[in-house]
N, C-alpha and C. Protein backbone atom coordinates (compact mmCIF):
# COMPACT_ATOMS: atom_id res chain seq x y z
N MET A 1 0.53 13.73 20.10
CA MET A 1 1.20 12.47 20.40
C MET A 1 0.80 11.43 19.35
N LYS A 2 1.78 10.77 18.77
CA LYS A 2 1.54 9.75 17.75
C LYS A 2 1.00 8.48 18.40
N LYS A 3 0.03 7.87 17.70
CA LYS A 3 -0.60 6.66 18.21
C LYS A 3 -0.07 5.46 17.43
N ILE A 4 0.44 4.47 18.15
CA ILE A 4 0.97 3.25 17.54
C ILE A 4 0.11 2.06 17.98
N LEU A 5 -0.30 1.28 17.00
CA LEU A 5 -1.04 0.04 17.28
C LEU A 5 -0.08 -1.13 17.14
N ILE A 6 0.02 -1.93 18.20
CA ILE A 6 0.84 -3.14 18.17
C ILE A 6 -0.12 -4.33 18.04
N ILE A 7 0.06 -5.12 16.98
CA ILE A 7 -0.76 -6.32 16.80
C ILE A 7 0.20 -7.51 16.94
N GLU A 8 0.13 -8.15 18.09
CA GLU A 8 1.12 -9.18 18.47
C GLU A 8 0.48 -10.15 19.45
N ASP A 9 0.64 -11.46 19.22
CA ASP A 9 0.03 -12.45 20.10
C ASP A 9 0.97 -13.00 21.16
N GLU A 10 2.26 -12.74 21.06
CA GLU A 10 3.20 -13.22 22.07
C GLU A 10 3.29 -12.18 23.19
N GLU A 11 2.80 -12.54 24.37
CA GLU A 11 2.70 -11.59 25.49
C GLU A 11 4.03 -10.92 25.83
N ILE A 12 5.12 -11.70 25.88
CA ILE A 12 6.42 -11.14 26.27
C ILE A 12 6.87 -10.09 25.26
N MET A 13 6.75 -10.40 23.98
CA MET A 13 7.14 -9.46 22.93
C MET A 13 6.22 -8.23 22.96
N LEU A 14 4.94 -8.47 23.12
CA LEU A 14 3.96 -7.38 23.18
C LEU A 14 4.31 -6.42 24.31
N ASP A 15 4.59 -6.96 25.48
CA ASP A 15 4.91 -6.14 26.64
C ASP A 15 6.20 -5.34 26.43
N LEU A 16 7.20 -6.00 25.86
CA LEU A 16 8.48 -5.34 25.59
C LEU A 16 8.30 -4.16 24.63
N ILE A 17 7.58 -4.39 23.52
CA ILE A 17 7.37 -3.33 22.53
C ILE A 17 6.51 -2.22 23.14
N ARG A 18 5.46 -2.60 23.86
CA ARG A 18 4.57 -1.60 24.47
C ARG A 18 5.36 -0.68 25.40
N ARG A 19 6.17 -1.28 26.27
CA ARG A 19 6.95 -0.45 27.21
C ARG A 19 7.92 0.46 26.49
N LYS A 20 8.61 -0.06 25.49
CA LYS A 20 9.59 0.74 24.75
C LYS A 20 8.92 1.91 24.04
N MET A 21 7.81 1.66 23.37
CA MET A 21 7.12 2.73 22.63
C MET A 21 6.51 3.76 23.58
N THR A 22 5.97 3.30 24.72
CA THR A 22 5.41 4.22 25.72
C THR A 22 6.52 5.11 26.28
N ASN A 23 7.67 4.50 26.59
CA ASN A 23 8.81 5.27 27.12
C ASN A 23 9.33 6.30 26.11
N GLU A 24 9.11 6.04 24.83
CA GLU A 24 9.54 6.97 23.78
C GLU A 24 8.52 8.08 23.55
N GLY A 25 7.42 8.03 24.30
CA GLY A 25 6.44 9.11 24.21
C GLY A 25 5.29 8.87 23.25
N TYR A 26 5.11 7.63 22.80
CA TYR A 26 4.00 7.33 21.90
C TYR A 26 2.79 6.86 22.70
N GLU A 27 1.61 7.13 22.17
CA GLU A 27 0.39 6.54 22.71
C GLU A 27 0.31 5.14 22.10
N VAL A 28 0.11 4.12 22.92
CA VAL A 28 0.15 2.74 22.44
C VAL A 28 -1.19 2.05 22.68
N ILE A 29 -1.70 1.42 21.62
CA ILE A 29 -2.86 0.54 21.75
C ILE A 29 -2.43 -0.84 21.27
N VAL A 30 -3.05 -1.88 21.83
CA VAL A 30 -2.60 -3.24 21.51
C VAL A 30 -3.76 -4.14 21.10
N ALA A 31 -3.43 -5.09 20.24
CA ALA A 31 -4.36 -6.15 19.84
C ALA A 31 -3.58 -7.46 19.89
N ARG A 32 -4.26 -8.53 20.30
CA ARG A 32 -3.57 -9.81 20.45
C ARG A 32 -3.87 -10.80 19.32
N ASP A 33 -4.66 -10.36 18.34
CA ASP A 33 -4.88 -11.18 17.15
C ASP A 33 -5.27 -10.26 16.00
N GLY A 34 -5.28 -10.81 14.79
CA GLY A 34 -5.53 -10.00 13.61
C GLY A 34 -6.93 -9.40 13.54
N GLU A 35 -7.93 -10.14 14.02
CA GLU A 35 -9.31 -9.62 13.99
C GLU A 35 -9.44 -8.39 14.88
N GLU A 36 -8.94 -8.50 16.11
CA GLU A 36 -8.99 -7.37 17.03
C GLU A 36 -8.18 -6.21 16.47
N GLY A 37 -7.04 -6.53 15.85
CA GLY A 37 -6.20 -5.51 15.25
C GLY A 37 -6.93 -4.73 14.17
N LEU A 38 -7.62 -5.43 13.29
CA LEU A 38 -8.38 -4.77 12.22
C LEU A 38 -9.46 -3.86 12.79
N ARG A 39 -10.15 -4.33 13.81
CA ARG A 39 -11.19 -3.52 14.45
C ARG A 39 -10.59 -2.23 15.00
N LEU A 40 -9.43 -2.36 15.67
CA LEU A 40 -8.79 -1.18 16.26
C LEU A 40 -8.23 -0.23 15.19
N ILE A 41 -7.78 -0.78 14.07
CA ILE A 41 -7.30 0.06 12.97
C ILE A 41 -8.46 0.92 12.47
N LYS A 42 -9.61 0.29 12.27
CA LYS A 42 -10.78 1.01 11.75
C LYS A 42 -11.31 2.02 12.76
N GLU A 43 -11.32 1.65 14.04
CA GLU A 43 -11.84 2.54 15.08
C GLU A 43 -10.90 3.69 15.39
N GLY A 44 -9.62 3.37 15.54
CA GLY A 44 -8.69 4.35 16.08
C GLY A 44 -7.78 5.02 15.08
N GLN A 45 -7.72 4.50 13.85
CA GLN A 45 -6.82 5.01 12.82
C GLN A 45 -5.46 5.44 13.41
N PRO A 46 -4.65 4.46 13.79
CA PRO A 46 -3.33 4.79 14.37
C PRO A 46 -2.42 5.46 13.34
N ASP A 47 -1.37 6.09 13.84
CA ASP A 47 -0.39 6.74 12.96
C ASP A 47 0.58 5.72 12.37
N LEU A 48 0.74 4.57 13.05
CA LEU A 48 1.65 3.54 12.59
C LEU A 48 1.22 2.21 13.21
N ILE A 49 1.46 1.11 12.48
CA ILE A 49 1.10 -0.22 12.97
C ILE A 49 2.36 -1.09 13.03
N LEU A 50 2.57 -1.75 14.17
CA LEU A 50 3.61 -2.76 14.32
C LEU A 50 2.88 -4.10 14.28
N LEU A 51 3.18 -4.91 13.27
CA LEU A 51 2.36 -6.08 12.97
C LEU A 51 3.15 -7.38 12.94
N ASP A 52 2.68 -8.35 13.70
CA ASP A 52 3.21 -9.71 13.63
C ASP A 52 2.54 -10.39 12.44
N LEU A 53 3.19 -11.39 11.84
CA LEU A 53 2.58 -12.09 10.70
C LEU A 53 1.81 -13.33 11.11
N ILE A 54 2.34 -14.09 12.08
CA ILE A 54 1.71 -15.35 12.46
C ILE A 54 0.94 -15.14 13.76
N MET A 55 -0.39 -15.12 13.62
CA MET A 55 -1.27 -14.86 14.77
C MET A 55 -2.55 -15.65 14.63
N PRO A 56 -3.28 -15.80 15.74
CA PRO A 56 -4.57 -16.48 15.68
C PRO A 56 -5.63 -15.60 14.98
N LYS A 57 -6.67 -16.23 14.53
CA LYS A 57 -7.86 -15.63 13.91
C LYS A 57 -7.60 -15.02 12.55
N LYS A 58 -6.62 -14.15 12.42
CA LYS A 58 -6.30 -13.53 11.13
C LYS A 58 -4.81 -13.24 11.14
N ASP A 59 -4.08 -13.73 10.14
CA ASP A 59 -2.63 -13.48 10.14
C ASP A 59 -2.31 -12.08 9.62
N GLY A 60 -1.06 -11.70 9.74
CA GLY A 60 -0.63 -10.36 9.34
C GLY A 60 -0.85 -10.04 7.87
N PHE A 61 -0.67 -11.05 7.01
CA PHE A 61 -0.90 -10.83 5.58
C PHE A 61 -2.36 -10.48 5.32
N SER A 62 -3.27 -11.18 5.99
CA SER A 62 -4.71 -10.90 5.85
C SER A 62 -5.05 -9.50 6.35
N VAL A 63 -4.44 -9.12 7.47
CA VAL A 63 -4.66 -7.78 8.02
C VAL A 63 -4.21 -6.73 6.99
N MET A 64 -3.01 -6.92 6.43
CA MET A 64 -2.50 -5.95 5.45
C MET A 64 -3.38 -5.90 4.20
N ALA A 65 -3.86 -7.05 3.75
CA ALA A 65 -4.73 -7.09 2.57
C ALA A 65 -6.01 -6.30 2.82
N GLU A 66 -6.59 -6.45 4.01
CA GLU A 66 -7.81 -5.71 4.37
C GLU A 66 -7.54 -4.21 4.42
N VAL A 67 -6.42 -3.84 5.01
CA VAL A 67 -6.05 -2.42 5.13
C VAL A 67 -5.88 -1.81 3.74
N GLN A 68 -5.25 -2.56 2.83
CA GLN A 68 -5.00 -2.06 1.48
C GLN A 68 -6.29 -1.79 0.70
N LYS A 69 -7.36 -2.49 1.04
CA LYS A 69 -8.65 -2.32 0.34
C LYS A 69 -9.35 -1.02 0.74
N ASN A 70 -8.93 -0.42 1.84
CA ASN A 70 -9.61 0.75 2.38
C ASN A 70 -8.76 2.01 2.14
N GLU A 71 -9.27 2.93 1.34
CA GLU A 71 -8.53 4.14 0.98
C GLU A 71 -8.06 4.93 2.20
N ALA A 72 -8.92 5.03 3.21
CA ALA A 72 -8.59 5.83 4.40
C ALA A 72 -7.51 5.16 5.24
N LEU A 73 -7.46 3.84 5.20
CA LEU A 73 -6.53 3.10 6.07
C LEU A 73 -5.20 2.78 5.40
N LYS A 74 -5.19 2.66 4.07
CA LYS A 74 -3.98 2.15 3.42
C LYS A 74 -2.80 3.12 3.49
N LYS A 75 -3.04 4.33 3.93
CA LYS A 75 -1.94 5.30 4.10
C LYS A 75 -1.18 5.07 5.41
N ILE A 76 -1.77 4.28 6.31
CA ILE A 76 -1.14 4.04 7.61
C ILE A 76 0.08 3.14 7.40
N PRO A 77 1.28 3.60 7.80
CA PRO A 77 2.47 2.77 7.61
C PRO A 77 2.48 1.55 8.53
N ILE A 78 3.00 0.45 7.98
CA ILE A 78 3.09 -0.81 8.73
C ILE A 78 4.54 -1.26 8.77
N ILE A 79 4.99 -1.62 9.98
CA ILE A 79 6.30 -2.25 10.16
C ILE A 79 6.03 -3.66 10.67
N ILE A 80 6.59 -4.63 9.98
CA ILE A 80 6.43 -6.04 10.36
C ILE A 80 7.43 -6.39 11.47
N VAL A 81 6.93 -7.07 12.50
CA VAL A 81 7.79 -7.62 13.55
C VAL A 81 7.44 -9.11 13.58
N SER A 82 8.34 -9.95 13.00
CA SER A 82 7.99 -11.36 12.81
C SER A 82 9.15 -12.29 13.13
N ASN A 83 8.83 -13.55 13.34
CA ASN A 83 9.86 -14.57 13.57
C ASN A 83 10.59 -14.92 12.29
N SER A 84 9.97 -14.62 11.16
CA SER A 84 10.53 -15.03 9.88
C SER A 84 11.10 -13.84 9.13
N GLY A 85 12.18 -14.09 8.43
CA GLY A 85 12.75 -13.07 7.57
C GLY A 85 12.91 -13.60 6.17
N GLN A 86 12.06 -14.55 5.78
CA GLN A 86 12.15 -15.18 4.47
C GLN A 86 11.92 -14.15 3.36
N PRO A 87 12.77 -14.16 2.33
CA PRO A 87 12.61 -13.20 1.23
C PRO A 87 11.24 -13.23 0.58
N VAL A 88 10.64 -14.41 0.44
CA VAL A 88 9.33 -14.51 -0.19
C VAL A 88 8.26 -13.81 0.68
N GLU A 89 8.37 -13.96 1.99
CA GLU A 89 7.43 -13.29 2.89
C GLU A 89 7.65 -11.78 2.89
N LEU A 90 8.91 -11.38 2.89
CA LEU A 90 9.25 -9.96 2.86
C LEU A 90 8.71 -9.32 1.59
N SER A 91 8.87 -10.00 0.47
CA SER A 91 8.37 -9.51 -0.81
C SER A 91 6.85 -9.35 -0.79
N GLN A 92 6.17 -10.37 -0.28
CA GLN A 92 4.71 -10.31 -0.19
C GLN A 92 4.26 -9.18 0.73
N ALA A 93 4.94 -9.03 1.87
CA ALA A 93 4.59 -7.97 2.83
C ALA A 93 4.78 -6.59 2.21
N ARG A 94 5.86 -6.41 1.45
CA ARG A 94 6.10 -5.12 0.79
C ARG A 94 5.00 -4.82 -0.23
N LYS A 95 4.57 -5.84 -0.97
CA LYS A 95 3.49 -5.66 -1.94
C LYS A 95 2.20 -5.22 -1.24
N LEU A 96 2.02 -5.69 -0.01
CA LEU A 96 0.83 -5.35 0.76
C LEU A 96 0.99 -4.07 1.57
N GLY A 97 2.10 -3.36 1.36
CA GLY A 97 2.24 -2.05 1.98
C GLY A 97 3.17 -1.93 3.17
N ALA A 98 3.86 -3.02 3.55
CA ALA A 98 4.78 -2.92 4.69
C ALA A 98 5.94 -1.99 4.34
N ARG A 99 6.28 -1.09 5.26
CA ARG A 99 7.37 -0.13 5.03
C ARG A 99 8.72 -0.65 5.48
N ASP A 100 8.68 -1.54 6.50
CA ASP A 100 9.95 -2.04 7.04
C ASP A 100 9.69 -3.37 7.73
N TRP A 101 10.76 -3.99 8.24
CA TRP A 101 10.70 -5.36 8.74
C TRP A 101 11.71 -5.52 9.86
N LEU A 102 11.34 -6.25 10.89
CA LEU A 102 12.24 -6.57 11.99
C LEU A 102 12.04 -8.05 12.34
N VAL A 103 13.13 -8.80 12.43
CA VAL A 103 13.04 -10.22 12.79
C VAL A 103 13.17 -10.35 14.31
N LYS A 104 12.21 -11.06 14.92
CA LYS A 104 12.17 -11.17 16.39
C LYS A 104 13.43 -11.77 16.99
N THR A 105 14.02 -12.75 16.32
CA THR A 105 15.21 -13.40 16.88
C THR A 105 16.39 -12.43 16.95
N GLU A 106 16.35 -11.37 16.13
CA GLU A 106 17.41 -10.36 16.15
C GLU A 106 16.88 -9.06 16.75
N PHE A 107 15.82 -9.17 17.57
CA PHE A 107 15.11 -7.99 18.05
C PHE A 107 15.98 -7.09 18.91
N ASP A 108 16.02 -5.83 18.56
CA ASP A 108 16.71 -4.81 19.32
C ASP A 108 15.74 -3.64 19.47
N PRO A 109 15.29 -3.37 20.71
CA PRO A 109 14.31 -2.29 20.91
C PRO A 109 14.77 -0.95 20.35
N ARG A 110 16.06 -0.67 20.41
CA ARG A 110 16.56 0.61 19.88
C ARG A 110 16.37 0.67 18.36
N GLU A 111 16.61 -0.47 17.70
CA GLU A 111 16.44 -0.53 16.25
C GLU A 111 14.96 -0.32 15.88
N LEU A 112 14.06 -0.89 16.67
CA LEU A 112 12.63 -0.72 16.43
C LEU A 112 12.26 0.76 16.54
N VAL A 113 12.72 1.42 17.58
CA VAL A 113 12.44 2.85 17.77
C VAL A 113 12.95 3.64 16.58
N GLU A 114 14.15 3.31 16.14
CA GLU A 114 14.76 3.99 14.99
C GLU A 114 13.90 3.82 13.73
N LYS A 115 13.44 2.59 13.49
CA LYS A 115 12.60 2.32 12.32
C LYS A 115 11.28 3.09 12.41
N VAL A 116 10.66 3.10 13.58
CA VAL A 116 9.41 3.84 13.78
C VAL A 116 9.62 5.32 13.49
N LYS A 117 10.68 5.90 14.05
CA LYS A 117 10.95 7.32 13.84
C LYS A 117 11.23 7.61 12.37
N ASN A 118 11.98 6.74 11.71
CA ASN A 118 12.30 6.94 10.29
C ASN A 118 11.03 6.90 9.42
N VAL A 119 10.18 5.92 9.66
CA VAL A 119 8.96 5.80 8.87
C VAL A 119 8.05 7.01 9.08
N LEU A 120 7.89 7.44 10.34
CA LEU A 120 7.06 8.61 10.60
C LEU A 120 7.68 9.87 10.00
N ALA A 121 9.01 9.95 10.01
CA ALA A 121 9.69 11.12 9.42
C ALA A 121 9.50 11.15 7.90
N GLU A 122 9.52 9.99 7.27
CA GLU A 122 9.29 9.90 5.82
C GLU A 122 7.93 10.47 5.45
N LEU A 123 6.98 10.32 6.35
CA LEU A 123 5.62 10.81 6.10
C LEU A 123 5.47 12.27 6.50
N GLY A 124 6.56 12.84 6.96
CA GLY A 124 6.54 14.24 7.37
C GLY A 124 5.83 14.46 8.68
N GLU A 125 5.92 13.46 9.56
CA GLU A 125 5.21 13.58 10.84
C GLU A 125 6.17 13.69 11.99
């Protein structure tokens, strides 16, 4: 069973994503801020990370920068789930290893599942 880490501080969004991923058969772990997320990445080495950018304690860009510094962790694919879809942020996120992007205001759980499956399939998983 693939393990997905959701790093998201908005409870409603977190719950929605958690339920959708669990219903799709994934093992789900959650963090409500970037610091907790980093700890769980190091402890649990998830198969994929769903990451918000704007969070307390450590933002998504900082989390990605930390992950990129670690050889064992930087292979873990990251999909951004954020309120912003600004090209400059998207560009920065891609440089830091993000594989895909979903804007919360246009959030469609089916699209998220599709993106998760596509990214995991690209890795041959």
